[in-house]
Each structure stands twice: as C-alpha cells, then as structure tokens.
Amino acid sequence: MNEDITIFKYQKYLSSYENCPPTEYQEISMSAFRWIFEDINHENNFKPVLLIKPERINDKMFDSPEKKCEGYGLSLYDSLSNAKNAYDRIHKRNKNFSKMVGTYVAQIALVQTDGVASEFSTRKNNKGHFNFHEYENTDLSKNIITVENL
C-alpha cells in the first residue's frame, strides 16, 4: 500500500464527493469541544450527523456536495463557551436536539495525527464551529480531557 495515501474514517462516504475533505483542511493540535452523551461510549458521541441520521442528506442544510461532505465530518467548537452557546441556540428551536447529541460537552485534545479540520479562525459567523474529518484509526473518546453537563 502506498504510504502517501490518507484514509479517513468514513472514506466510503467521502469518496462520493470531489475534494472531500477539502484540500485546504489542515491537521491541527488544539483543544476542541463537542456535545456528547454522559456515557463516553455512546454510539453517537463521535459520529457525524449524516451517519446519526442518514435521512438528513436530503435536508436543505445539505444541498450541495460540499455541504454533504461536511455532514460526514464531526462538528467541533474552538471554545467551551462557543459550544455551550451553539447548543443553547439549537436546543431552543428543537427540544429533541439533546436526544441526538447528548447533554454534556467534552473537551478533546486534538493532535495532528487525528485528522484534518476546516478553517475556523477567519470564517465569519461560524461562532467557533469547525468541521473535523478523522483519520481511519482515530478514536477521539481516548482524547477526552474533561466532560461537563450542558
């Protein structure tokens, strides 16, 4: 096998879209925040939205190949406050939201060998959100630093 080939965790889905994940996504090392369930091993904790709810691929939110590609990445936040604020905004509109994403937020130590992230520091109105595509053997549950209730 060619060692230059990068394989992502959900490669079979990503391969359906051109430039997925986008070549401008970068490996990063930082703390990131993600909504999770109290049970660290819950199946949805580190699963992309389009694998949690595959029928959402037809939602307006995923109306382009680029957005579908993003839907197979993990939603992460650059700070605890941004993660909490986003959760509160969405939960106000959708009271069942917590059944899909949990009621806790985890601080996760991302390292460059975990995957690639979208740019987040210069994107307008993203409120600290970024997409993250994990490499094939990444297990972010092992990178959890802290967990707290939302």
Protein backbone atom coordinates (compact mmCIF):
# COMPACT_ATOMS: atom_id res chain seq x y z
CA MET A 1 0.00 0.00 0.00
CA ASN A 2 1.23 3.50 -0.83
CA GLU A 3 2.03 5.30 2.43
CA ASP A 4 1.19 8.67 0.85
CA ILE A 5 -2.49 7.80 0.64
CA THR A 6 -4.53 9.22 3.50
CA ILE A 7 -7.51 7.15 4.56
CA PHE A 8 -10.29 8.79 6.52
CA LYS A 9 -12.63 7.07 8.95
CA TYR A 10 -15.65 7.41 6.64
CA GLN A 11 -13.76 7.13 3.37
CA LYS A 12 -16.52 5.17 1.63
CA TYR A 13 -18.85 8.18 2.02
CA LEU A 14 -16.23 10.86 1.42
CA SER A 15 -15.18 9.23 -1.85
CA SER A 16 -18.59 10.09 -3.29
CA TYR A 17 -17.67 13.78 -3.36
CA GLU A 18 -14.92 15.61 -5.20
CA ASN A 19 -12.25 17.17 -2.96
CA CYS A 20 -13.70 15.68 0.23
CA PRO A 21 -12.44 16.59 2.68
CA PRO A 22 -11.28 19.80 1.01
CA THR A 23 -7.55 20.07 0.39
CA GLU A 24 -7.42 23.31 2.39
CA TYR A 25 -8.39 21.43 5.59
CA GLN A 26 -5.35 21.15 7.86
CA GLU A 27 -4.06 18.90 10.60
CA ILE A 28 -4.24 20.77 13.91
CA SER A 29 -3.25 20.40 17.55
CA MET A 30 -5.61 22.11 19.98
CA SER A 31 -8.40 21.62 22.48
CA ALA A 32 -11.79 21.27 20.84
CA PHE A 33 -15.27 20.85 22.26
CA ARG A 34 -18.09 18.50 21.23
CA TRP A 35 -21.52 17.71 22.59
CA ILE A 36 -21.75 14.14 23.87
CA PHE A 37 -23.84 11.81 25.99
CA GLU A 38 -22.91 11.08 29.60
CA ASP A 39 -21.90 7.56 28.58
CA ILE A 40 -18.48 8.14 26.99
CA ASN A 41 -19.03 5.05 24.82
CA HIS A 42 -22.41 6.16 23.42
CA GLU A 43 -22.50 5.33 19.71
CA ASN A 44 -23.36 8.90 18.64
CA ASN A 45 -20.67 10.73 20.61
CA PHE A 46 -18.16 10.80 17.79
CA LYS A 47 -20.34 10.04 14.80
CA PRO A 48 -21.05 12.56 12.01
CA VAL A 49 -24.60 13.88 11.69
CA LEU A 50 -25.19 12.13 8.35
CA LEU A 51 -24.40 8.79 9.97
CA ILE A 52 -26.52 9.51 13.05
CA LYS A 53 -29.48 10.49 10.84
CA PRO A 54 -28.77 9.41 7.23
CA GLU A 55 -32.16 10.71 6.04
CA ARG A 56 -30.91 14.26 6.68
CA ILE A 57 -28.83 14.06 3.50
CA ASN A 58 -31.96 15.40 1.76
CA ASP A 59 -32.31 18.40 4.14
CA LYS A 60 -31.80 21.93 2.80
CA MET A 61 -28.79 22.12 5.10
CA PHE A 62 -27.00 19.56 2.89
CA ASP A 63 -28.00 20.94 -0.52
CA SER A 64 -24.57 20.76 -2.18
CA PRO A 65 -21.76 18.20 -2.48
CA GLU A 66 -19.59 20.43 -0.28
CA LYS A 67 -22.20 20.51 2.48
CA LYS A 68 -22.78 16.78 2.20
CA CYS A 69 -19.03 16.30 2.64
CA GLU A 70 -19.17 18.48 5.77
CA GLY A 71 -22.03 16.31 7.07
CA TYR A 72 -19.65 13.34 7.18
CA GLY A 73 -17.25 15.28 9.40
CA LEU A 74 -17.60 15.96 13.10
CA SER A 75 -18.89 19.30 14.34
CA LEU A 76 -16.47 20.74 16.87
CA TYR A 77 -16.06 24.09 18.60
CA ASP A 78 -12.98 26.11 19.43
CA SER A 79 -14.09 27.01 22.98
CA LEU A 80 -16.35 25.80 25.75
CA SER A 81 -18.43 28.98 25.60
CA ASN A 82 -18.95 28.68 21.83
CA ALA A 83 -20.02 25.04 22.24
CA LYS A 84 -22.47 25.93 25.01
CA ASN A 85 -23.90 28.94 23.15
CA ALA A 86 -24.46 26.92 19.97
CA TYR A 87 -26.12 24.12 21.92
CA ASP A 88 -28.45 26.61 23.63
CA ARG A 89 -29.40 28.25 20.30
CA ILE A 90 -30.23 24.94 18.64
CA HIS A 91 -31.94 23.44 21.69
CA LYS A 92 -34.32 26.44 21.87
CA ARG A 93 -35.51 25.67 18.32
CA ASN A 94 -35.50 21.87 18.67
CA LYS A 95 -36.35 20.46 22.09
CA ASN A 96 -35.46 16.92 20.90
CA PHE A 97 -31.94 18.01 19.94
CA SER A 98 -30.44 16.56 23.13
CA LYS A 99 -31.70 13.08 22.17
CA MET A 100 -29.41 13.20 19.14
CA VAL A 101 -26.29 14.85 20.60
CA GLY A 102 -26.47 14.40 24.37
CA THR A 103 -26.48 16.85 27.26
CA TYR A 104 -22.76 17.09 28.01
CA VAL A 105 -19.79 18.78 26.40
CA ALA A 106 -16.38 17.17 26.18
CA GLN A 107 -13.06 18.91 25.88
CA ILE A 108 -10.96 16.89 23.47
CA ALA A 109 -7.22 17.12 22.84
CA LEU A 110 -6.81 17.05 19.07
CA VAL A 111 -3.39 16.20 17.69
CA GLN A 112 -2.19 16.37 14.10
CA THR A 113 -2.39 12.60 13.64
CA ASP A 114 -6.15 12.59 14.42
CA GLY A 115 -7.41 14.14 11.19
CA VAL A 116 -7.99 17.42 9.36
CA ALA A 117 -10.03 20.49 10.29
CA SER A 118 -11.76 23.22 8.36
CA GLU A 119 -10.52 26.73 8.87
CA PHE A 120 -12.37 28.40 11.70
CA SER A 121 -10.48 31.47 12.80
CA THR A 122 -11.30 33.55 9.72
CA ARG A 123 -14.77 32.28 8.85
CA LYS A 124 -17.49 34.85 9.50
CA ASN A 125 -20.49 33.98 11.66
CA ASN A 126 -19.27 30.47 12.40
CA LYS A 127 -19.34 31.15 16.15
CA GLY A 128 -16.32 28.93 16.74
CA HIS A 129 -17.66 25.93 14.82
CA PHE A 130 -15.42 23.85 12.58
CA ASN A 131 -15.64 20.53 10.78
CA PHE A 132 -13.23 17.72 11.51
CA HIS A 133 -12.59 14.61 9.41
CA GLU A 134 -10.93 11.86 11.41
CA TYR A 135 -8.27 9.58 10.05
CA GLU A 136 -9.17 5.91 9.79
CA ASN A 137 -7.83 4.72 13.16
CA THR A 138 -8.63 7.78 15.26
CA ASP A 139 -10.61 7.25 18.47
CA LEU A 140 -11.42 10.67 19.92
CA SER A 141 -13.02 9.12 23.01
CA LYS A 142 -9.46 8.40 24.16
CA ASN A 143 -8.58 12.11 23.80
CA ILE A 144 -11.23 13.42 26.21
CA ILE A 145 -9.77 15.75 28.82
CA THR A 146 -12.91 16.90 30.66
CA VAL A 147 -16.68 16.42 30.46
CA GLU A 148 -19.31 18.72 31.91
CA ASN A 149 -23.07 18.95 31.87
CA LEU A 150 -24.68 21.45 29.48
